[in-house]
Structure formats: structure tokens, C-alpha cells
């Protein structure tokens, strides 16, 4: 894939650099290893997607271990609020306390 690095947004440039320096130095290999949508990553890096959705940005942040944070894609207040909500939801999904114990009746309940 040919990329004009001068025209891509900073977050995409950082992602491309991270991929090139990773143990999976191609977009397809990196995406396969990290479970990312290869076409979406390629389109973002090529500048075909200028405003990525929050879930994609969070996936990239997680795949890069925080090297390409969500905030690098966009920085407006509305996006920050959405990022906070999505991070909290993801954390709650991963938390052991997020089980359905509150809605499940106890063994002694009728």
C-alpha cells in the first residue's frame, strides 16, 4: 500500500509508525494479531477516513497499548464525553463486579 505520509492525520501517522516498529510490521499482520479491521485501519492510515468512530479509536488505543490514544483522533468536548462513557462501559464489562448477581435471586429466595 502506498501512503502519502504528509497528508495523513497525526493519529494515523502514529498508528502507522507503531505498526512499522511492532513485531507485526505490516498492516494486515498487525490487524490480524490484534483483532482489528484491516480495511478500516488501512483507510484511516491512507486518510480516507478523517473522523473515526470512538469504538475504532478505543480498539486502536488498546491494540497499541496506549501509544495511539483515542484523543489523538479528535479532541472536541463531545468526543471526550463519549470516550469517557465508552471507557467506563468497557471497564464495567471486564470487571468481576459487573456480573448479574444483583438481578439474580439468591438460592434461598422463592
C-alpha atoms as a PDB file:
ATOM      1  CA  UNK A   1       0.000   0.000   0.000  1.00  0.00           C
ATOM      2  CA  UNK A   2       1.402   3.382  -0.980  1.00  0.00           C
ATOM      3  CA  UNK A   3       0.840   6.093   1.633  1.00  0.00           C
ATOM      4  CA  UNK A   4       1.495   9.806   1.322  1.00  0.00           C
ATOM      5  CA  UNK A   5       2.662  10.352   4.896  1.00  0.00           C
ATOM      6  CA  UNK A   6       2.472  14.118   4.568  1.00  0.00           C
ATOM      7  CA  UNK A   7      -1.298  14.062   4.167  1.00  0.00           C
ATOM      8  CA  UNK A   8      -2.418  11.734   6.938  1.00  0.00           C
ATOM      9  CA  UNK A   9      -3.659  12.943  10.309  1.00  0.00           C
ATOM     10  CA  UNK A  10      -1.338  12.688  13.343  1.00  0.00           C
ATOM     11  CA  UNK A  11      -3.136   9.727  14.945  1.00  0.00           C
ATOM     12  CA  UNK A  12      -2.958   7.757  11.707  1.00  0.00           C
ATOM     13  CA  UNK A  13       0.732   8.636  11.335  1.00  0.00           C
ATOM     14  CA  UNK A  14       1.360   7.449  14.892  1.00  0.00           C
ATOM     15  CA  UNK A  15      -0.522   4.219  14.210  1.00  0.00           C
ATOM     16  CA  UNK A  16       1.461   3.596  11.031  1.00  0.00           C
ATOM     17  CA  UNK A  17       4.743   4.230  12.858  1.00  0.00           C
ATOM     18  CA  UNK A  18       3.673   1.934  15.688  1.00  0.00           C
ATOM     19  CA  UNK A  19       2.773  -0.833  13.237  1.00  0.00           C
ATOM     20  CA  UNK A  20       6.049  -0.486  11.333  1.00  0.00           C
ATOM     21  CA  UNK A  21       8.035  -0.732  14.582  1.00  0.00           C
ATOM     22  CA  UNK A  22       5.990  -3.609  16.031  1.00  0.00           C
ATOM     23  CA  UNK A  23       6.624  -7.338  15.885  1.00  0.00           C
ATOM     24  CA  UNK A  24       3.929  -7.398  13.149  1.00  0.00           C
ATOM     25  CA  UNK A  25       5.285  -4.665  10.830  1.00  0.00           C
ATOM     26  CA  UNK A  26       2.594  -4.796   8.152  1.00  0.00           C
ATOM     27  CA  UNK A  27      -0.983  -3.571   8.419  1.00  0.00           C
ATOM     28  CA  UNK A  28      -2.512  -6.997   7.621  1.00  0.00           C
ATOM     29  CA  UNK A  29      -0.255  -8.845  10.089  1.00  0.00           C
ATOM     30  CA  UNK A  30      -0.776  -6.274  12.851  1.00  0.00           C
ATOM     31  CA  UNK A  31      -4.553  -6.216  12.382  1.00  0.00           C
ATOM     32  CA  UNK A  32      -4.777  -9.995  12.384  1.00  0.00           C
ATOM     33  CA  UNK A  33      -2.673 -10.239  15.547  1.00  0.00           C
ATOM     34  CA  UNK A  34      -4.658  -7.519  17.339  1.00  0.00           C
ATOM     35  CA  UNK A  35      -8.137  -8.289  16.016  1.00  0.00           C
ATOM     36  CA  UNK A  36      -8.564  -5.007  14.165  1.00  0.00           C
ATOM     37  CA  UNK A  37     -10.471  -4.430  10.928  1.00  0.00           C
ATOM     38  CA  UNK A  38      -7.664  -4.350   8.358  1.00  0.00           C
ATOM     39  CA  UNK A  39      -9.605  -2.352   5.785  1.00  0.00           C
ATOM     40  CA  UNK A  40     -10.680   0.266   8.311  1.00  0.00           C
ATOM     41  CA  UNK A  41      -7.128   0.632   9.604  1.00  0.00           C
ATOM     42  CA  UNK A  42      -5.775   0.948   6.063  1.00  0.00           C
ATOM     43  CA  UNK A  43      -8.437   3.519   5.130  1.00  0.00           C
ATOM     44  CA  UNK A  44      -7.701   5.566   8.268  1.00  0.00           C
ATOM     45  CA  UNK A  45      -3.971   5.488   7.589  1.00  0.00           C
ATOM     46  CA  UNK A  46      -4.448   6.457   3.937  1.00  0.00           C
ATOM     47  CA  UNK A  47      -6.585   9.425   5.013  1.00  0.00           C
ATOM     48  CA  UNK A  48      -9.798   8.065   3.542  1.00  0.00           C
ATOM     49  CA  UNK A  49     -11.423   8.198   6.985  1.00  0.00           C
ATOM     50  CA  UNK A  50     -10.771  11.503   8.707  1.00  0.00           C
ATOM     51  CA  UNK A  51     -13.151  11.102  11.647  1.00  0.00           C
ATOM     52  CA  UNK A  52     -13.101   7.621  13.107  1.00  0.00           C
ATOM     53  CA  UNK A  53     -15.741   6.325  15.472  1.00  0.00           C
ATOM     54  CA  UNK A  54     -14.974   6.076  19.173  1.00  0.00           C
ATOM     55  CA  UNK A  55     -15.051   2.277  19.266  1.00  0.00           C
ATOM     56  CA  UNK A  56     -12.448   2.080  16.496  1.00  0.00           C
ATOM     57  CA  UNK A  57     -10.252   4.620  18.293  1.00  0.00           C
ATOM     58  CA  UNK A  58     -10.584   2.669  21.549  1.00  0.00           C
ATOM     59  CA  UNK A  59      -9.689  -0.554  19.748  1.00  0.00           C
ATOM     60  CA  UNK A  60      -6.578   1.116  18.304  1.00  0.00           C
ATOM     61  CA  UNK A  61      -5.636   2.501  21.713  1.00  0.00           C
ATOM     62  CA  UNK A  62      -5.901  -0.971  23.249  1.00  0.00           C
ATOM     63  CA  UNK A  63      -4.074  -2.653  20.348  1.00  0.00           C
ATOM     64  CA  UNK A  64      -1.184  -0.209  20.667  1.00  0.00           C
ATOM     65  CA  UNK A  65      -1.026  -0.374  24.440  1.00  0.00           C
ATOM     66  CA  UNK A  66      -1.952   3.307  24.646  1.00  0.00           C
ATOM     67  CA  UNK A  67       0.679   4.502  22.161  1.00  0.00           C
ATOM     68  CA  UNK A  68      -2.091   5.899  19.950  1.00  0.00           C
ATOM     69  CA  UNK A  69      -4.627   7.284  22.424  1.00  0.00           C
ATOM     70  CA  UNK A  70      -8.221   7.927  21.468  1.00  0.00           C
ATOM     71  CA  UNK A  71      -7.815  11.657  21.958  1.00  0.00           C
ATOM     72  CA  UNK A  72      -5.311  11.876  19.076  1.00  0.00           C
ATOM     73  CA  UNK A  73      -8.087  11.184  16.574  1.00  0.00           C
ATOM     74  CA  UNK A  74     -10.248  14.133  17.698  1.00  0.00           C
ATOM     75  CA  UNK A  75     -10.259  16.409  20.710  1.00  0.00           C
ATOM     76  CA  UNK A  76     -13.619  18.177  20.936  1.00  0.00           C
ATOM     77  CA  UNK A  77     -15.601  18.121  24.180  1.00  0.00           C
ATOM     78  CA  UNK A  78     -18.406  15.956  22.831  1.00  0.00           C
ATOM     79  CA  UNK A  79     -15.918  13.310  21.800  1.00  0.00           C
ATOM     80  CA  UNK A  80     -14.222  13.439  25.195  1.00  0.00           C
ATOM     81  CA  UNK A  81     -17.553  12.811  26.907  1.00  0.00           C
ATOM     82  CA  UNK A  82     -18.289   9.891  24.580  1.00  0.00           C
ATOM     83  CA  UNK A  83     -14.811   8.452  25.158  1.00  0.00           C
ATOM     84  CA  UNK A  84     -15.340   8.615  28.919  1.00  0.00           C
ATOM     85  CA  UNK A  85     -18.715   6.839  28.655  1.00  0.00           C
ATOM     86  CA  UNK A  86     -17.323   4.101  26.402  1.00  0.00           C
ATOM     87  CA  UNK A  87     -14.226   3.555  28.565  1.00  0.00           C
ATOM     88  CA  UNK A  88     -16.408   3.227  31.661  1.00  0.00           C
ATOM     89  CA  UNK A  89     -18.711   0.777  29.858  1.00  0.00           C
ATOM     90  CA  UNK A  90     -15.767  -1.334  28.690  1.00  0.00           C
ATOM     91  CA  UNK A  91     -14.262  -1.322  32.178  1.00  0.00           C
ATOM     92  CA  UNK A  92     -17.598  -2.384  33.656  1.00  0.00           C
ATOM     93  CA  UNK A  93     -17.855  -5.238  31.134  1.00  0.00           C
ATOM     94  CA  UNK A  94     -14.421  -6.511  32.190  1.00  0.00           C
ATOM     95  CA  UNK A  95     -14.949  -6.043  35.912  1.00  0.00           C
ATOM     96  CA  UNK A  96     -15.785  -9.116  38.025  1.00  0.00           C
ATOM     97  CA  UNK A  97     -18.337  -6.956  39.868  1.00  0.00           C
ATOM     98  CA  UNK A  98     -20.275  -6.470  36.631  1.00  0.00           C
ATOM     99  CA  UNK A  99     -21.951  -9.866  36.905  1.00  0.00           C
ATOM    100  CA  UNK A 100     -25.684 -10.213  37.075  1.00  0.00           C
ATOM    101  CA  UNK A 101     -25.608 -11.048  40.800  1.00  0.00           C
ATOM    102  CA  UNK A 102     -27.806  -8.065  41.579  1.00  0.00           C
ATOM    103  CA  UNK A 103     -30.554  -9.301  39.313  1.00  0.00           C
ATOM    104  CA  UNK A 104     -30.200 -12.989  40.143  1.00  0.00           C
ATOM    105  CA  UNK A 105     -32.272 -14.272  43.067  1.00  0.00           C
ATOM    106  CA  UNK A 106     -30.326 -15.802  45.924  1.00  0.00           C
ATOM    107  CA  UNK A 107     -30.515 -19.558  46.476  1.00  0.00           C
ATOM    108  CA  UNK A 108     -32.834 -19.163  49.444  1.00  0.00           C
ATOM    109  CA  UNK A 109     -35.232 -16.754  47.708  1.00  0.00           C
ATOM    110  CA  UNK A 110     -38.508 -18.042  46.381  1.00  0.00           C
END
